[in-house]
Amino acid sequence: MYERIRNMREDKDITQATMAAYLNIHQTTYSDYELGNLNIPISVMIKIADLFATSIDYLVNRTDEKRNYPSSQK
């Protein structure tokens, strides 16, 4: 899971500092997420999935389908 998130960030040429600013956390906290030293809260997973236009299932390796699910919000 952590490798997939890191790879997606790197594919978009986004730095850890930029990700941390987007998530409103310290860069060291974000680094710990990518290293697997800290569990990523669901609220943060949602923001990451939204940023990369993918699903949480993709981020956590439950599917290899990058495409996001249709929104259920009306």
N, C-alpha and C. Protein backbone atom coordinates (compact mmCIF):
# COMPACT_ATOMS: atom_id res chain seq x y z
N MET A 1 0.83 -1.19 0.00
CA MET A 1 0.00 0.00 0.00
C MET A 1 0.87 1.25 0.00
N TYR A 2 1.85 1.31 0.87
CA TYR A 2 2.66 2.51 1.01
C TYR A 2 3.47 2.77 -0.26
N GLU A 3 3.96 1.70 -0.87
CA GLU A 3 4.72 1.83 -2.10
C GLU A 3 3.84 2.37 -3.23
N ARG A 4 2.60 1.92 -3.27
CA ARG A 4 1.69 2.38 -4.32
C ARG A 4 1.41 3.87 -4.17
N ILE A 5 1.22 4.31 -2.94
CA ILE A 5 0.96 5.74 -2.70
C ILE A 5 2.20 6.55 -3.09
N ARG A 6 3.38 6.08 -2.70
CA ARG A 6 4.61 6.78 -3.05
C ARG A 6 4.78 6.83 -4.57
N ASN A 7 4.54 5.71 -5.24
CA ASN A 7 4.69 5.68 -6.70
C ASN A 7 3.73 6.64 -7.39
N MET A 8 2.51 6.72 -6.91
CA MET A 8 1.55 7.64 -7.51
C MET A 8 2.00 9.09 -7.31
N ARG A 9 2.51 9.39 -6.13
CA ARG A 9 3.00 10.74 -5.85
C ARG A 9 4.17 11.07 -6.77
N GLU A 10 5.11 10.14 -6.88
CA GLU A 10 6.29 10.37 -7.71
C GLU A 10 5.92 10.47 -9.19
N ASP A 11 4.95 9.68 -9.64
CA ASP A 11 4.51 9.74 -11.04
C ASP A 11 3.97 11.12 -11.40
N LYS A 12 3.39 11.80 -10.42
CA LYS A 12 2.85 13.15 -10.63
C LYS A 12 3.87 14.24 -10.31
N ASP A 13 5.10 13.83 -9.98
CA ASP A 13 6.17 14.78 -9.62
C ASP A 13 5.76 15.69 -8.47
N ILE A 14 5.13 15.09 -7.46
CA ILE A 14 4.72 15.82 -6.27
C ILE A 14 5.69 15.46 -5.15
N THR A 15 6.20 16.46 -4.46
CA THR A 15 7.12 16.20 -3.35
C THR A 15 6.36 15.80 -2.10
N GLN A 16 7.07 15.21 -1.17
CA GLN A 16 6.46 14.89 0.12
C GLN A 16 6.01 16.17 0.82
N ALA A 17 6.77 17.23 0.69
CA ALA A 17 6.40 18.50 1.32
C ALA A 17 5.10 19.04 0.74
N THR A 18 4.93 18.92 -0.57
CA THR A 18 3.69 19.37 -1.20
C THR A 18 2.51 18.52 -0.74
N MET A 19 2.72 17.21 -0.68
CA MET A 19 1.65 16.31 -0.19
C MET A 19 1.28 16.67 1.24
N ALA A 20 2.28 16.88 2.07
CA ALA A 20 2.04 17.22 3.47
C ALA A 20 1.24 18.52 3.58
N ALA A 21 1.59 19.52 2.77
CA ALA A 21 0.86 20.79 2.79
C ALA A 21 -0.59 20.57 2.36
N TYR A 22 -0.81 19.77 1.31
CA TYR A 22 -2.16 19.45 0.83
C TYR A 22 -2.98 18.77 1.92
N LEU A 23 -2.33 17.89 2.68
CA LEU A 23 -3.02 17.13 3.73
C LEU A 23 -3.05 17.87 5.07
N ASN A 24 -2.37 19.03 5.11
CA ASN A 24 -2.31 19.84 6.33
C ASN A 24 -1.65 19.08 7.49
N ILE A 25 -0.52 18.44 7.17
CA ILE A 25 0.27 17.71 8.17
C ILE A 25 1.74 18.05 7.97
N HIS A 26 2.59 17.67 8.91
CA HIS A 26 4.03 17.87 8.76
C HIS A 26 4.58 16.91 7.71
N GLN A 27 5.65 17.32 7.06
CA GLN A 27 6.29 16.48 6.06
C GLN A 27 6.79 15.19 6.68
N THR A 28 7.29 15.25 7.91
CA THR A 28 7.78 14.04 8.57
C THR A 28 6.66 13.04 8.83
N THR A 29 5.48 13.55 9.12
CA THR A 29 4.32 12.67 9.31
C THR A 29 3.99 11.98 7.99
N TYR A 30 3.98 12.75 6.91
CA TYR A 30 3.70 12.15 5.61
C TYR A 30 4.76 11.11 5.25
N SER A 31 6.00 11.43 5.52
CA SER A 31 7.09 10.48 5.26
C SER A 31 6.85 9.19 6.04
N ASP A 32 6.45 9.31 7.29
CA ASP A 32 6.16 8.13 8.11
C ASP A 32 5.00 7.32 7.53
N TYR A 33 4.02 7.98 6.92
CA TYR A 33 2.94 7.25 6.24
C TYR A 33 3.52 6.41 5.11
N GLU A 34 4.34 7.03 4.26
CA GLU A 34 4.90 6.30 3.12
C GLU A 34 5.84 5.17 3.53
N LEU A 35 6.51 5.34 4.65
CA LEU A 35 7.42 4.29 5.13
C LEU A 35 6.68 3.19 5.88
N GLY A 36 5.42 3.39 6.18
CA GLY A 36 4.64 2.41 6.92
C GLY A 36 4.87 2.49 8.42
N ASN A 37 5.46 3.59 8.87
CA ASN A 37 5.70 3.76 10.31
C ASN A 37 4.46 4.22 11.05
N LEU A 38 3.53 4.82 10.34
CA LEU A 38 2.26 5.28 10.92
C LEU A 38 1.11 4.79 10.06
N ASN A 39 0.02 4.42 10.70
CA ASN A 39 -1.19 4.09 9.96
C ASN A 39 -1.80 5.37 9.41
N ILE A 40 -2.29 5.30 8.19
CA ILE A 40 -2.87 6.47 7.55
C ILE A 40 -4.35 6.54 7.93
N PRO A 41 -4.78 7.63 8.57
CA PRO A 41 -6.19 7.78 8.92
C PRO A 41 -7.08 7.78 7.68
N ILE A 42 -8.30 7.30 7.82
CA ILE A 42 -9.22 7.21 6.68
C ILE A 42 -9.47 8.57 6.07
N SER A 43 -9.53 9.62 6.87
CA SER A 43 -9.75 10.96 6.32
C SER A 43 -8.60 11.36 5.40
N VAL A 44 -7.40 10.96 5.73
CA VAL A 44 -6.23 11.24 4.89
C VAL A 44 -6.26 10.37 3.64
N MET A 45 -6.65 9.11 3.79
CA MET A 45 -6.75 8.21 2.63
C MET A 45 -7.75 8.76 1.61
N ILE A 46 -8.85 9.30 2.09
CA ILE A 46 -9.86 9.88 1.20
C ILE A 46 -9.27 11.03 0.42
N LYS A 47 -8.53 11.91 1.09
CA LYS A 47 -7.91 13.06 0.41
C LYS A 47 -6.88 12.60 -0.62
N ILE A 48 -6.11 11.59 -0.28
CA ILE A 48 -5.11 11.07 -1.22
C ILE A 48 -5.81 10.47 -2.43
N ALA A 49 -6.83 9.67 -2.19
CA ALA A 49 -7.58 9.06 -3.30
C ALA A 49 -8.20 10.13 -4.18
N ASP A 50 -8.77 11.16 -3.57
CA ASP A 50 -9.36 12.26 -4.35
C ASP A 50 -8.30 12.97 -5.18
N LEU A 51 -7.15 13.24 -4.60
CA LEU A 51 -6.08 13.94 -5.31
C LEU A 51 -5.65 13.17 -6.55
N PHE A 52 -5.53 11.85 -6.44
CA PHE A 52 -5.07 11.02 -7.54
C PHE A 52 -6.22 10.46 -8.37
N ALA A 53 -7.45 10.89 -8.08
CA ALA A 53 -8.64 10.44 -8.82
C ALA A 53 -8.69 8.92 -8.91
N THR A 54 -8.53 8.29 -7.76
CA THR A 54 -8.58 6.83 -7.69
C THR A 54 -9.41 6.43 -6.47
N SER A 55 -9.49 5.15 -6.21
CA SER A 55 -10.25 4.66 -5.07
C SER A 55 -9.31 4.27 -3.93
N ILE A 56 -9.84 4.25 -2.74
CA ILE A 56 -9.07 3.76 -1.60
C ILE A 56 -8.72 2.29 -1.82
N ASP A 57 -9.61 1.54 -2.45
CA ASP A 57 -9.32 0.14 -2.74
C ASP A 57 -8.04 0.01 -3.58
N TYR A 58 -7.85 0.90 -4.53
CA TYR A 58 -6.62 0.86 -5.33
C TYR A 58 -5.42 1.19 -4.45
N LEU A 59 -5.55 2.21 -3.62
CA LEU A 59 -4.43 2.62 -2.77
C LEU A 59 -3.99 1.52 -1.83
N VAL A 60 -4.94 0.72 -1.33
CA VAL A 60 -4.60 -0.33 -0.36
C VAL A 60 -4.46 -1.70 -1.02
N ASN A 61 -4.29 -1.71 -2.34
CA ASN A 61 -4.02 -2.95 -3.10
C ASN A 61 -5.16 -3.95 -3.10
N ARG A 62 -6.39 -3.48 -2.98
CA ARG A 62 -7.53 -4.40 -3.07
C ARG A 62 -7.98 -4.59 -4.50
N THR A 63 -7.51 -3.70 -5.39
CA THR A 63 -7.81 -3.81 -6.81
C THR A 63 -6.65 -3.20 -7.58
N ASP A 64 -6.51 -3.61 -8.83
CA ASP A 64 -5.51 -3.00 -9.70
C ASP A 64 -6.15 -2.00 -10.65
N GLU A 65 -7.44 -1.75 -10.47
CA GLU A 65 -8.18 -0.78 -11.28
C GLU A 65 -7.97 0.61 -10.72
N LYS A 66 -7.24 1.46 -11.45
CA LYS A 66 -6.94 2.81 -10.97
C LYS A 66 -8.15 3.74 -11.02
N ARG A 67 -9.06 3.46 -11.93
CA ARG A 67 -10.21 4.34 -12.13
C ARG A 67 -11.03 4.46 -10.85
N ASN A 68 -11.45 5.68 -10.55
CA ASN A 68 -12.25 5.94 -9.36
C ASN A 68 -13.68 5.42 -9.55
N TYR A 69 -14.32 5.11 -8.45
CA TYR A 69 -15.72 4.72 -8.48
C TYR A 69 -16.58 5.96 -8.75
N PRO A 70 -17.76 5.77 -9.32
CA PRO A 70 -18.66 6.92 -9.47
C PRO A 70 -19.05 7.46 -8.10
N SER A 71 -19.22 8.75 -8.02
CA SER A 71 -19.58 9.38 -6.75
C SER A 71 -21.00 8.98 -6.34
N SER A 72 -21.18 8.77 -5.04
CA SER A 72 -22.52 8.46 -4.52
C SER A 72 -23.18 9.70 -3.94
N GLN A 73 -22.44 10.83 -3.95
CA GLN A 73 -22.99 12.08 -3.43
C GLN A 73 -23.90 12.70 -4.47
N LYS A 74 -25.02 13.25 -3.98
CA LYS A 74 -26.00 13.86 -4.90
C LYS A 74 -26.06 15.34 -4.72
